[in-house]
Amino acid sequence: MKTLLLNKEQVGKLITMPEVIERVEEAYKAFNLSQVVQPDYIGIHLPSPRGEIDFKLSYFKPDEMISMKSSSGGFVNNPSEHGLPTNMGSILLFDATTCALLCVMDGSLLTGLRTGASGAVSVKVLARKNAQKVTCIGTGNQARMQIRAIKEVMKIEEIHAWSRTEDTLAQFKTDMESELGIPVIISLSKKEAVAQADILITTTRGKGALVEADWIKPGTHIIAIGSDQQGKQELDPEIFRHAKIVNDSMAQCTEKGETWHPLNQNIITKANIHAEIGEILLGTKPGRENDQEITIFDSTGMAIQDNTSASKIYQNAIAQGIGTSFEFF
């Protein structure tokens, strides 16, 4: 039995953003059809100046595929001291019928792709149909992934952007305008940027509220990406009081996501959470119902997204004869 090895460059050639969006949507539906086994993920915080490493595991019953992903972040000294990225990831795929290891692949690119795709899936069911302007609070790699994915499901007329770092902001403008041909307008303040948003994306490693409730205009769709562990926060909890709240996984979001903060402050209860996004995709609960609603998609990231997306990469690799095979036995 042979195991396939795929590096980051190969992974990038083996899947397109539309394919990732399709597989993430499939993952969300499967989760709410009880076709998924997904244990709580485990996170280990390492001593400063190191960061954290998470481990996520899932079993996708229709494909008989088990995935296990490690993802690390916040290792700021890696480039200068070790010649390594600050964030890394690896994915193992197992055949659930035998538990044989089918594939080892880079997971850093896939994590970015499937997280970006999650925002695009939420736009399909929660953003206004006439939405045109997207605001990014944070302009790192995930902000770029969100834009790349969202442009696959709607026409973006303008991107408004804010970052703490002027150089990062300027580079984001240069890169996005060159790559996508969409004008990027640099905002001098967060408030100014948020005021323009039809769709608001937050992708920071924030430790406190970056976006205030009174900045949000009616009809805004918010994609909250940055908070995936307790201690992280990007949104004023008051935003949740009068919003339609949608989680990827309610269990995760109420414990580790942005949704935890308004729950902890008794601004909302779990009964105020409208749905998991898979329920909306399956049609068992409504998505956006009018153009005045403020909608929030709280995405903590789910192991099943890695599973379905990595499986597609593996299938494409086998079909195209890409990768290096090796044998354990």
C-alpha atoms as a PDB file:
ATOM      1  CA  MET A   1       0.000   0.000   0.000  1.00  0.00           C
ATOM      2  CA  LYS A   2       1.431   3.359  -1.037  1.00  0.00           C
ATOM      3  CA  THR A   3       1.062   6.729   0.655  1.00  0.00           C
ATOM      4  CA  LEU A   4       1.094   9.922  -1.402  1.00  0.00           C
ATOM      5  CA  LEU A   5       3.147  12.970  -0.392  1.00  0.00           C
ATOM      6  CA  LEU A   6       2.098  16.436  -1.644  1.00  0.00           C
ATOM      7  CA  ASN A   7       3.998  19.650  -0.944  1.00  0.00           C
ATOM      8  CA  LYS A   8       2.582  23.177  -0.837  1.00  0.00           C
ATOM      9  CA  GLU A   9       3.292  23.942  -4.491  1.00  0.00           C
ATOM     10  CA  GLN A  10       1.577  20.748  -5.611  1.00  0.00           C
ATOM     11  CA  VAL A  11      -1.445  21.389  -3.375  1.00  0.00           C
ATOM     12  CA  GLY A  12      -1.827  24.838  -4.943  1.00  0.00           C
ATOM     13  CA  LYS A  13      -1.976  23.317  -8.429  1.00  0.00           C
ATOM     14  CA  LEU A  14      -4.459  20.607  -7.521  1.00  0.00           C
ATOM     15  CA  ILE A  15      -7.530  22.608  -6.491  1.00  0.00           C
ATOM     16  CA  THR A  16      -9.290  25.801  -7.553  1.00  0.00           C
ATOM     17  CA  MET A  17     -11.165  28.240  -5.348  1.00  0.00           C
ATOM     18  CA  PRO A  18     -14.550  27.299  -6.875  1.00  0.00           C
ATOM     19  CA  GLU A  19     -13.802  23.663  -6.017  1.00  0.00           C
ATOM     20  CA  VAL A  20     -12.930  24.616  -2.438  1.00  0.00           C
ATOM     21  CA  ILE A  21     -16.149  26.629  -2.089  1.00  0.00           C
ATOM     22  CA  GLU A  22     -18.129  23.635  -3.335  1.00  0.00           C
ATOM     23  CA  ARG A  23     -16.383  21.258  -0.899  1.00  0.00           C
ATOM     24  CA  VAL A  24     -16.811  23.615   2.073  1.00  0.00           C
ATOM     25  CA  GLU A  25     -20.513  23.940   1.297  1.00  0.00           C
ATOM     26  CA  GLU A  26     -20.705  20.145   1.144  1.00  0.00           C
ATOM     27  CA  ALA A  27     -18.951  19.943   4.521  1.00  0.00           C
ATOM     28  CA  TYR A  28     -21.413  22.316   6.192  1.00  0.00           C
ATOM     29  CA  LYS A  29     -24.395  20.374   4.855  1.00  0.00           C
ATOM     30  CA  ALA A  30     -22.932  17.034   5.888  1.00  0.00           C
ATOM     31  CA  PHE A  31     -22.294  18.325   9.404  1.00  0.00           C
ATOM     32  CA  ASN A  32     -25.988  19.128   9.829  1.00  0.00           C
ATOM     33  CA  LEU A  33     -27.048  15.847   8.235  1.00  0.00           C
ATOM     34  CA  SER A  34     -25.157  13.910  10.954  1.00  0.00           C
ATOM     35  CA  GLN A  35     -22.758  12.514   8.357  1.00  0.00           C
ATOM     36  CA  VAL A  36     -19.727  13.790  10.253  1.00  0.00           C
ATOM     37  CA  VAL A  37     -17.827  12.734  13.363  1.00  0.00           C
ATOM     38  CA  GLN A  38     -15.849  15.744  14.566  1.00  0.00           C
ATOM     39  CA  PRO A  39     -14.303  15.665  18.058  1.00  0.00           C
ATOM     40  CA  ASP A  40     -13.443  18.896  19.835  1.00  0.00           C
ATOM     41  CA  TYR A  41     -10.148  20.206  18.582  1.00  0.00           C
ATOM     42  CA  ILE A  42      -7.138  20.461  20.835  1.00  0.00           C
ATOM     43  CA  GLY A  43      -4.968  23.553  21.166  1.00  0.00           C
ATOM     44  CA  ILE A  44      -1.583  23.850  22.835  1.00  0.00           C
ATOM     45  CA  HIS A  45      -0.181  27.270  23.747  1.00  0.00           C
ATOM     46  CA  LEU A  46       3.587  27.317  23.863  1.00  0.00           C
ATOM     47  CA  PRO A  47       5.755  29.718  25.902  1.00  0.00           C
ATOM     48  CA  SER A  48       6.325  33.204  24.462  1.00  0.00           C
ATOM     49  CA  PRO A  49       7.578  34.229  21.954  1.00  0.00           C
ATOM     50  CA  ARG A  50       6.252  31.036  20.416  1.00  0.00           C
ATOM     51  CA  GLY A  51       2.572  30.738  19.486  1.00  0.00           C
ATOM     52  CA  GLU A  52       0.008  27.946  19.395  1.00  0.00           C
ATOM     53  CA  ILE A  53      -0.630  24.663  17.623  1.00  0.00           C
ATOM     54  CA  ASP A  54      -4.075  23.152  17.026  1.00  0.00           C
ATOM     55  CA  PHE A  55      -5.077  19.606  16.075  1.00  0.00           C
ATOM     56  CA  LYS A  56      -8.367  18.940  14.280  1.00  0.00           C
ATOM     57  CA  LEU A  57      -9.825  15.533  13.457  1.00  0.00           C
ATOM     58  CA  SER A  58     -12.861  14.485  11.423  1.00  0.00           C
ATOM     59  CA  TYR A  59     -14.543  11.475   9.830  1.00  0.00           C
ATOM     60  CA  PHE A  60     -16.664  12.043   6.693  1.00  0.00           C
ATOM     61  CA  LYS A  61     -18.977   9.052   6.393  1.00  0.00           C
ATOM     62  CA  PRO A  62     -20.072   9.394   2.721  1.00  0.00           C
ATOM     63  CA  ASP A  63     -16.447   9.304   1.472  1.00  0.00           C
ATOM     64  CA  GLU A  64     -15.166   6.992   4.247  1.00  0.00           C
ATOM     65  CA  MET A  65     -12.334   9.451   4.816  1.00  0.00           C
ATOM     66  CA  ILE A  66     -10.656  10.459   8.072  1.00  0.00           C
ATOM     67  CA  SER A  67      -8.543  13.608   8.264  1.00  0.00           C
ATOM     68  CA  MET A  68      -6.183  14.907  10.898  1.00  0.00           C
ATOM     69  CA  LYS A  69      -4.688  18.394  10.633  1.00  0.00           C
ATOM     70  CA  SER A  70      -2.087  20.207  12.645  1.00  0.00           C
ATOM     71  CA  SER A  71      -1.881  23.983  12.253  1.00  0.00           C
ATOM     72  CA  SER A  72       0.454  26.367  14.037  1.00  0.00           C
ATOM     73  CA  GLY A  73       0.446  30.154  14.235  1.00  0.00           C
ATOM     74  CA  GLY A  74       2.133  33.079  15.901  1.00  0.00           C
ATOM     75  CA  PHE A  75       5.717  31.828  15.697  1.00  0.00           C
ATOM     76  CA  VAL A  76       7.043  35.286  14.903  1.00  0.00           C
ATOM     77  CA  ASN A  77      10.727  34.363  15.235  1.00  0.00           C
ATOM     78  CA  ASN A  78      10.551  31.453  12.814  1.00  0.00           C
ATOM     79  CA  PRO A  79      11.624  33.374   9.685  1.00  0.00           C
ATOM     80  CA  SER A  80      14.658  35.071  11.251  1.00  0.00           C
ATOM     81  CA  GLU A  81      15.826  32.271  13.556  1.00  0.00           C
ATOM     82  CA  HIS A  82      14.816  29.068  11.758  1.00  0.00           C
ATOM     83  CA  GLY A  83      14.096  30.006   8.144  1.00  0.00           C
ATOM     84  CA  LEU A  84      10.514  28.797   8.542  1.00  0.00           C
ATOM     85  CA  PRO A  85       7.078  30.436   8.110  1.00  0.00           C
ATOM     86  CA  THR A  86       5.282  31.896  11.126  1.00  0.00           C
ATOM     87  CA  ASN A  87       2.275  29.668  10.346  1.00  0.00           C
ATOM     88  CA  MET A  88       2.440  26.041   9.165  1.00  0.00           C
ATOM     89  CA  GLY A  89       0.112  23.093   8.715  1.00  0.00           C
ATOM     90  CA  SER A  90       0.044  19.422   7.765  1.00  0.00           C
ATOM     91  CA  ILE A  91      -2.850  17.124   6.844  1.00  0.00           C
ATOM     92  CA  LEU A  92      -3.049  13.336   7.039  1.00  0.00           C
ATOM     93  CA  LEU A  93      -5.791  11.479   5.154  1.00  0.00           C
ATOM     94  CA  PHE A  94      -6.797   7.954   6.171  1.00  0.00           C
ATOM     95  CA  ASP A  95      -9.037   5.428   4.425  1.00  0.00           C
ATOM     96  CA  ALA A  96     -11.730   4.849   7.067  1.00  0.00           C
ATOM     97  CA  THR A  97     -12.380   1.284   5.879  1.00  0.00           C
ATOM     98  CA  THR A  98      -8.832   0.193   6.778  1.00  0.00           C
ATOM     99  CA  CYS A  99      -7.355   3.245   8.569  1.00  0.00           C
ATOM    100  CA  ALA A 100      -4.439   3.065   6.132  1.00  0.00           C
ATOM    101  CA  LEU A 101      -2.656   6.379   5.601  1.00  0.00           C
ATOM    102  CA  LEU A 102      -3.476   7.533   2.067  1.00  0.00           C
ATOM    103  CA  CYS A 103      -1.870  10.954   1.886  1.00  0.00           C
ATOM    104  CA  VAL A 104       0.347  13.434   3.694  1.00  0.00           C
ATOM    105  CA  MET A 105      -0.023  16.962   2.363  1.00  0.00           C
ATOM    106  CA  ASP A 106       0.877  20.525   3.229  1.00  0.00           C
ATOM    107  CA  GLY A 107      -1.996  22.040   5.156  1.00  0.00           C
ATOM    108  CA  SER A 108      -1.020  25.698   5.392  1.00  0.00           C
ATOM    109  CA  LEU A 109      -2.340  26.657   1.956  1.00  0.00           C
ATOM    110  CA  LEU A 110      -5.455  24.513   2.318  1.00  0.00           C
ATOM    111  CA  THR A 111      -6.308  26.099   5.672  1.00  0.00           C
ATOM    112  CA  GLY A 112      -6.203  29.522   4.043  1.00  0.00           C
ATOM    113  CA  LEU A 113      -8.248  28.391   1.047  1.00  0.00           C
ATOM    114  CA  ARG A 114     -11.020  26.655   2.981  1.00  0.00           C
ATOM    115  CA  THR A 115     -11.277  29.521   5.488  1.00  0.00           C
ATOM    116  CA  GLY A 116     -11.619  31.983   2.622  1.00  0.00           C
ATOM    117  CA  ALA A 117     -14.222  29.739   1.035  1.00  0.00           C
ATOM    118  CA  SER A 118     -16.257  29.727   4.246  1.00  0.00           C
ATOM    119  CA  GLY A 119     -16.767  33.474   3.929  1.00  0.00           C
ATOM    120  CA  ALA A 120     -17.911  33.090   0.341  1.00  0.00           C
ATOM    121  CA  VAL A 121     -20.438  30.416   1.311  1.00  0.00           C
ATOM    122  CA  SER A 122     -21.852  32.761   3.960  1.00  0.00           C
ATOM    123  CA  VAL A 123     -22.126  35.580   1.399  1.00  0.00           C
ATOM    124  CA  LYS A 124     -24.313  33.374  -0.800  1.00  0.00           C
ATOM    125  CA  VAL A 125     -27.006  33.032   1.888  1.00  0.00           C
ATOM    126  CA  LEU A 126     -26.522  35.985   4.237  1.00  0.00           C
ATOM    127  CA  ALA A 127     -25.333  39.017   2.238  1.00  0.00           C
ATOM    128  CA  ARG A 128     -27.693  41.392   0.434  1.00  0.00           C
ATOM    129  CA  LYS A 129     -28.070  40.572  -3.243  1.00  0.00           C
ATOM    130  CA  ASN A 130     -27.121  44.170  -4.116  1.00  0.00           C
ATOM    131  CA  ALA A 131     -23.968  44.183  -1.956  1.00  0.00           C
ATOM    132  CA  GLN A 132     -21.033  45.826  -3.747  1.00  0.00           C
ATOM    133  CA  LYS A 133     -18.515  47.092  -1.179  1.00  0.00           C
ATOM    134  CA  VAL A 134     -16.326  44.849   0.963  1.00  0.00           C
ATOM    135  CA  THR A 135     -14.365  46.137   3.961  1.00  0.00           C
ATOM    136  CA  CYS A 136     -11.369  44.304   5.395  1.00  0.00           C
ATOM    137  CA  ILE A 137     -10.308  44.944   8.969  1.00  0.00           C
ATOM    138  CA  GLY A 138      -6.921  43.284   8.802  1.00  0.00           C
ATOM    139  CA  THR A 139      -5.016  42.921   5.536  1.00  0.00           C
ATOM    140  CA  GLY A 140      -2.965  39.754   5.959  1.00  0.00           C
ATOM    141  CA  ASN A 141      -3.106  36.498   4.053  1.00  0.00           C
ATOM    142  CA  GLN A 142      -6.610  35.536   5.213  1.00  0.00           C
ATOM    143  CA  ALA A 143      -8.075  38.888   4.147  1.00  0.00           C
ATOM    144  CA  ARG A 144      -6.724  38.165   0.660  1.00  0.00           C
ATOM    145  CA  MET A 145      -8.171  34.662   0.702  1.00  0.00           C
ATOM    146  CA  GLN A 146     -11.577  36.004   1.703  1.00  0.00           C
ATOM    147  CA  ILE A 147     -11.565  38.486  -1.176  1.00  0.00           C
ATOM    148  CA  ARG A 148     -10.438  35.844  -3.682  1.00  0.00           C
ATOM    149  CA  ALA A 149     -13.250  33.552  -2.588  1.00  0.00           C
ATOM    150  CA  ILE A 150     -15.987  36.177  -2.333  1.00  0.00           C
ATOM    151  CA  LYS A 151     -15.308  37.467  -5.837  1.00  0.00           C
ATOM    152  CA  GLU A 152     -16.282  33.997  -7.075  1.00  0.00           C
ATOM    153  CA  VAL A 153     -19.842  34.421  -5.746  1.00  0.00           C
ATOM    154  CA  MET A 154     -20.496  38.167  -6.233  1.00  0.00           C
ATOM    155  CA  LYS A 155     -19.186  41.182  -8.123  1.00  0.00           C
ATOM    156  CA  ILE A 156     -17.068  43.357  -5.812  1.00  0.00           C
ATOM    157  CA  GLU A 157     -17.043  46.998  -6.891  1.00  0.00           C
ATOM    158  CA  GLU A 158     -14.770  48.368  -4.144  1.00  0.00           C
ATOM    159  CA  ILE A 159     -12.588  47.100  -1.320  1.00  0.00           C
ATOM    160  CA  HIS A 160     -12.094  49.312   1.732  1.00  0.00           C
ATOM    161  CA  ALA A 161      -9.231  48.333   4.003  1.00  0.00           C
ATOM    162  CA  TRP A 162      -7.771  49.168   7.389  1.00  0.00           C
ATOM    163  CA  SER A 163      -4.700  47.793   9.136  1.00  0.00           C
ATOM    164  CA  ARG A 164      -2.581  48.882  12.078  1.00  0.00           C
ATOM    165  CA  THR A 165       0.509  48.762   9.861  1.00  0.00           C
ATOM    166  CA  GLU A 166       0.813  51.271   7.025  1.00  0.00           C
ATOM    167  CA  ASP A 167       3.282  49.156   5.037  1.00  0.00           C
ATOM    168  CA  THR A 168       1.027  46.097   5.203  1.00  0.00           C
ATOM    169  CA  LEU A 169      -1.941  48.190   4.131  1.00  0.00           C
ATOM    170  CA  ALA A 170      -0.078  49.687   1.190  1.00  0.00           C
ATOM    171  CA  GLN A 171       1.102  46.259   0.066  1.00  0.00           C
ATOM    172  CA  PHE A 172      -2.441  44.885   0.293  1.00  0.00           C
ATOM    173  CA  LYS A 173      -3.671  47.688  -1.967  1.00  0.00           C
ATOM    174  CA  THR A 174      -0.903  47.093  -4.515  1.00  0.00           C
ATOM    175  CA  ASP A 175      -1.331  43.331  -4.555  1.00  0.00           C
ATOM    176  CA  MET A 176      -5.125  43.182  -4.692  1.00  0.00           C
ATOM    177  CA  GLU A 177      -5.485  45.852  -7.353  1.00  0.00           C
ATOM    178  CA  SER A 178      -2.836  44.147  -9.479  1.00  0.00           C
ATOM    179  CA  GLU A 179      -4.239  40.644  -9.033  1.00  0.00           C
ATOM    180  CA  LEU A 180      -7.979  41.314  -9.190  1.00  0.00           C
ATOM    181  CA  GLY A 181      -8.393  44.700 -10.837  1.00  0.00           C
ATOM    182  CA  ILE A 182     -10.674  45.855  -8.018  1.00  0.00           C
ATOM    183  CA  PRO A 183     -10.011  49.323  -6.531  1.00  0.00           C
ATOM    184  CA  VAL A 184      -8.766  49.232  -2.933  1.00  0.00           C
ATOM    185  CA  ILE A 185      -9.478  52.330  -0.862  1.00  0.00           C
ATOM    186  CA  ILE A 186      -7.272  52.817   2.174  1.00  0.00           C
ATOM    187  CA  SER A 187      -9.183  54.006   5.228  1.00  0.00           C
ATOM    188  CA  LEU A 188      -7.561  56.230   7.818  1.00  0.00           C
ATOM    189  CA  SER A 189      -9.694  54.788  10.612  1.00  0.00           C
ATOM    190  CA  LYS A 190     -11.583  51.597  11.390  1.00  0.00           C
ATOM    191  CA  LYS A 191     -14.807  53.568  11.724  1.00  0.00           C
ATOM    192  CA  GLU A 192     -14.386  55.072   8.268  1.00  0.00           C
ATOM    193  CA  ALA A 193     -13.773  51.639   6.748  1.00  0.00           C
ATOM    194  CA  VAL A 194     -16.690  49.956   8.513  1.00  0.00           C
ATOM    195  CA  ALA A 195     -19.088  52.719   7.482  1.00  0.00           C
ATOM    196  CA  GLN A 196     -18.560  51.748   3.824  1.00  0.00           C
ATOM    197  CA  ALA A 197     -19.160  48.044   4.278  1.00  0.00           C
ATOM    198  CA  ASP A 198     -21.910  46.024   2.653  1.00  0.00           C
ATOM    199  CA  ILE A 199     -19.803  43.059   3.708  1.00  0.00           C
ATOM    200  CA  LEU A 200     -17.392  43.416   6.640  1.00  0.00           C
ATOM    201  CA  ILE A 201     -14.537  40.921   7.062  1.00  0.00           C
ATOM    202  CA  THR A 202     -12.469  40.792  10.253  1.00  0.00           C
ATOM    203  CA  THR A 203      -9.311  38.682  10.031  1.00  0.00           C
ATOM    204  CA  THR A 204      -7.074  39.858  12.858  1.00  0.00           C
ATOM    205  CA  ARG A 205      -5.551  38.233  15.920  1.00  0.00           C
ATOM    206  CA  GLY A 206      -7.366  40.817  18.038  1.00  0.00           C
ATOM    207  CA  LYS A 207      -7.544  40.624  21.818  1.00  0.00           C
ATOM    208  CA  GLY A 208     -10.345  43.194  22.176  1.00  0.00           C
ATOM    209  CA  ALA A 209     -13.226  44.775  20.270  1.00  0.00           C
ATOM    210  CA  LEU A 210     -11.981  46.436  17.074  1.00  0.00           C
ATOM    211  CA  VAL A 211     -15.404  47.188  15.574  1.00  0.00           C
ATOM    212  CA  GLU A 212     -18.032  49.167  17.531  1.00  0.00           C
ATOM    213  CA  ALA A 213     -21.750  48.469  17.328  1.00  0.00           C
ATOM    214  CA  ASP A 214     -22.766  51.978  16.286  1.00  0.00           C
ATOM    215  CA  TRP A 215     -20.462  51.841  13.255  1.00  0.00           C
ATOM    216  CA  ILE A 216     -22.466  49.049  11.601  1.00  0.00           C
ATOM    217  CA  LYS A 217     -25.080  50.171   9.098  1.00  0.00           C
ATOM    218  CA  PRO A 218     -28.333  48.245   8.500  1.00  0.00           C
ATOM    219  CA  GLY A 219     -27.994  45.456   5.946  1.00  0.00           C
ATOM    220  CA  THR A 220     -24.334  44.712   6.668  1.00  0.00           C
ATOM    221  CA  HIS A 221     -23.115  41.135   6.550  1.00  0.00           C
ATOM    222  CA  ILE A 222     -20.224  40.477   8.941  1.00  0.00           C
ATOM    223  CA  ILE A 223     -17.747  37.635   8.460  1.00  0.00           C
ATOM    224  CA  ALA A 224     -15.907  37.132  11.759  1.00  0.00           C
ATOM    225  CA  ILE A 225     -12.816  35.021  11.148  1.00  0.00           C
ATOM    226  CA  GLY A 226     -10.161  35.957  13.701  1.00  0.00           C
ATOM    227  CA  SER A 227     -11.609  34.566  16.939  1.00  0.00           C
ATOM    228  CA  ASP A 228     -11.096  30.823  17.211  1.00  0.00           C
ATOM    229  CA  GLN A 229      -9.936  30.558  20.821  1.00  0.00           C
ATOM    230  CA  GLN A 230     -10.971  32.210  24.057  1.00  0.00           C
ATOM    231  CA  GLY A 231      -9.034  35.415  24.558  1.00  0.00           C
ATOM    232  CA  LYS A 232      -9.396  36.478  20.928  1.00  0.00           C
ATOM    233  CA  GLN A 233     -11.979  39.135  20.028  1.00  0.00           C
ATOM    234  CA  GLU A 234     -12.732  41.478  17.119  1.00  0.00           C
ATOM    235  CA  LEU A 235     -16.350  42.654  17.523  1.00  0.00           C
ATOM    236  CA  ASP A 236     -18.156  44.761  20.116  1.00  0.00           C
ATOM    237  CA  PRO A 237     -20.512  42.209  21.738  1.00  0.00           C
ATOM    238  CA  GLU A 238     -23.351  44.745  21.417  1.00  0.00           C
ATOM    239  CA  ILE A 239     -23.365  44.082  17.654  1.00  0.00           C
ATOM    240  CA  PHE A 240     -24.922  40.697  18.424  1.00  0.00           C
ATOM    241  CA  ARG A 241     -27.898  42.122  20.308  1.00  0.00           C
ATOM    242  CA  HIS A 242     -29.937  42.955  17.207  1.00  0.00           C
ATOM    243  CA  ALA A 243     -28.193  40.787  14.595  1.00  0.00           C
ATOM    244  CA  LYS A 244     -29.041  37.482  12.945  1.00  0.00           C
ATOM    245  CA  ILE A 245     -26.324  35.216  14.325  1.00  0.00           C
ATOM    246  CA  VAL A 246     -25.091  32.239  12.312  1.00  0.00           C
ATOM    247  CA  ASN A 247     -22.314  29.885  13.440  1.00  0.00           C
ATOM    248  CA  ASP A 248     -20.337  27.275  11.552  1.00  0.00           C
ATOM    249  CA  SER A 249     -20.445  25.033  14.625  1.00  0.00           C
ATOM    250  CA  MET A 250     -22.526  26.272  17.560  1.00  0.00           C
ATOM    251  CA  ALA A 251     -20.537  24.080  19.946  1.00  0.00           C
ATOM    252  CA  GLN A 252     -17.272  25.682  18.869  1.00  0.00           C
ATOM    253  CA  CYS A 253     -18.481  29.262  18.454  1.00  0.00           C
ATOM    254  CA  THR A 254     -20.136  29.427  21.864  1.00  0.00           C
ATOM    255  CA  GLU A 255     -16.980  28.172  23.547  1.00  0.00           C
ATOM    256  CA  LYS A 256     -14.143  29.581  21.437  1.00  0.00           C
ATOM    257  CA  GLY A 257     -15.567  31.954  18.846  1.00  0.00           C
ATOM    258  CA  GLU A 258     -16.741  35.544  18.635  1.00  0.00           C
ATOM    259  CA  THR A 259     -20.181  34.416  19.839  1.00  0.00           C
ATOM    260  CA  TRP A 260     -18.707  33.581  23.256  1.00  0.00           C
ATOM    261  CA  HIS A 261     -18.309  37.262  24.190  1.00  0.00           C
ATOM    262  CA  PRO A 262     -21.984  38.371  24.021  1.00  0.00           C
ATOM    263  CA  LEU A 263     -22.970  35.108  25.708  1.00  0.00           C
ATOM    264  CA  ASN A 264     -20.491  35.727  28.500  1.00  0.00           C
ATOM    265  CA  GLN A 265     -21.830  39.266  28.993  1.00  0.00           C
ATOM    266  CA  ASN A 266     -25.483  38.087  28.951  1.00  0.00           C
ATOM    267  CA  ILE A 267     -26.224  40.219  25.898  1.00  0.00           C
ATOM    268  CA  ILE A 268     -27.641  37.133  24.174  1.00  0.00           C
ATOM    269  CA  THR A 269     -28.473  33.545  25.098  1.00  0.00           C
ATOM    270  CA  LYS A 270     -27.931  30.449  22.974  1.00  0.00           C
ATOM    271  CA  ALA A 271     -31.596  30.723  21.999  1.00  0.00           C
ATOM    272  CA  ASN A 272     -30.704  33.929  20.123  1.00  0.00           C
ATOM    273  CA  ILE A 273     -28.355  32.082  17.769  1.00  0.00           C
ATOM    274  CA  HIS A 274     -30.351  31.753  14.570  1.00  0.00           C
ATOM    275  CA  ALA A 275     -28.677  28.751  12.955  1.00  0.00           C
ATOM    276  CA  GLU A 276     -25.619  26.838  11.952  1.00  0.00           C
ATOM    277  CA  ILE A 277     -24.813  27.642   8.343  1.00  0.00           C
ATOM    278  CA  GLY A 278     -25.413  24.050   7.248  1.00  0.00           C
ATOM    279  CA  GLU A 279     -29.034  24.370   8.323  1.00  0.00           C
ATOM    280  CA  ILE A 280     -29.468  27.393   6.037  1.00  0.00           C
ATOM    281  CA  LEU A 281     -27.760  25.636   3.128  1.00  0.00           C
ATOM    282  CA  LEU A 282     -30.083  22.664   3.604  1.00  0.00           C
ATOM    283  CA  GLY A 283     -33.130  24.956   3.649  1.00  0.00           C
ATOM    284  CA  THR A 284     -34.273  24.007   7.140  1.00  0.00           C
ATOM    285  CA  LYS A 285     -33.741  27.569   8.384  1.00  0.00           C
ATOM    286  CA  PRO A 286     -33.899  30.849   6.426  1.00  0.00           C
ATOM    287  CA  GLY A 287     -30.894  32.927   5.495  1.00  0.00           C
ATOM    288  CA  ARG A 288     -31.211  36.690   4.986  1.00  0.00           C
ATOM    289  CA  GLU A 289     -34.876  37.694   4.995  1.00  0.00           C
ATOM    290  CA  ASN A 290     -34.677  41.438   4.255  1.00  0.00           C
ATOM    291  CA  ASP A 291     -32.190  44.139   3.284  1.00  0.00           C
ATOM    292  CA  GLN A 292     -32.166  45.758   6.726  1.00  0.00           C
ATOM    293  CA  GLU A 293     -30.936  42.778   8.700  1.00  0.00           C
ATOM    294  CA  ILE A 294     -27.442  42.800  10.171  1.00  0.00           C
ATOM    295  CA  THR A 295     -26.105  39.265   9.770  1.00  0.00           C
ATOM    296  CA  ILE A 296     -23.064  37.756  11.465  1.00  0.00           C
ATOM    297  CA  PHE A 297     -21.267  34.612  10.350  1.00  0.00           C
ATOM    298  CA  ASP A 298     -18.996  33.475  13.173  1.00  0.00           C
ATOM    299  CA  SER A 299     -16.485  31.019  11.701  1.00  0.00           C
ATOM    300  CA  THR A 300     -14.159  29.133  14.023  1.00  0.00           C
ATOM    301  CA  GLY A 301     -13.107  26.664  11.344  1.00  0.00           C
ATOM    302  CA  MET A 302     -14.206  23.036  11.224  1.00  0.00           C
ATOM    303  CA  ALA A 303     -12.170  19.897  10.714  1.00  0.00           C
ATOM    304  CA  ILE A 304     -14.718  18.625   8.191  1.00  0.00           C
ATOM    305  CA  GLN A 305     -13.803  21.540   5.888  1.00  0.00           C
ATOM    306  CA  ASP A 306     -10.228  20.238   5.836  1.00  0.00           C
ATOM    307  CA  ASN A 307     -11.487  16.714   5.212  1.00  0.00           C
ATOM    308  CA  THR A 308     -13.684  17.391   2.186  1.00  0.00           C
ATOM    309  CA  SER A 309     -11.207  19.841   0.622  1.00  0.00           C
ATOM    310  CA  ALA A 310      -8.166  17.619   1.179  1.00  0.00           C
ATOM    311  CA  SER A 311     -10.059  14.644  -0.259  1.00  0.00           C
ATOM    312  CA  LYS A 312     -10.657  16.605  -3.467  1.00  0.00           C
ATOM    313  CA  ILE A 313      -6.960  17.468  -3.661  1.00  0.00           C
ATOM    314  CA  TYR A 314      -6.062  13.804  -3.186  1.00  0.00           C
ATOM    315  CA  GLN A 315      -8.536  12.702  -5.863  1.00  0.00           C
ATOM    316  CA  ASN A 316      -7.162  15.282  -8.297  1.00  0.00           C
ATOM    317  CA  ALA A 317      -3.574  14.233  -7.523  1.00  0.00           C
ATOM    318  CA  ILE A 318      -4.335  10.577  -8.269  1.00  0.00           C
ATOM    319  CA  ALA A 319      -6.148  11.497 -11.494  1.00  0.00           C
ATOM    320  CA  GLN A 320      -3.279  13.729 -12.662  1.00  0.00           C
ATOM    321  CA  GLY A 321      -0.396  11.574 -11.448  1.00  0.00           C
ATOM    322  CA  ILE A 322       1.012  14.298  -9.201  1.00  0.00           C
ATOM    323  CA  GLY A 323       2.952  13.679  -5.980  1.00  0.00           C
ATOM    324  CA  THR A 324       5.539  11.304  -4.566  1.00  0.00           C
ATOM    325  CA  SER A 325       4.555   7.848  -3.343  1.00  0.00           C
ATOM    326  CA  PHE A 326       6.245   5.953  -0.518  1.00  0.00           C
ATOM    327  CA  GLU A 327       5.553   2.828   1.484  1.00  0.00           C
ATOM    328  CA  PHE A 328       5.457   2.303   5.241  1.00  0.00           C
ATOM    329  CA  PHE A 329       4.928  -1.459   4.999  1.00  0.00           C
END
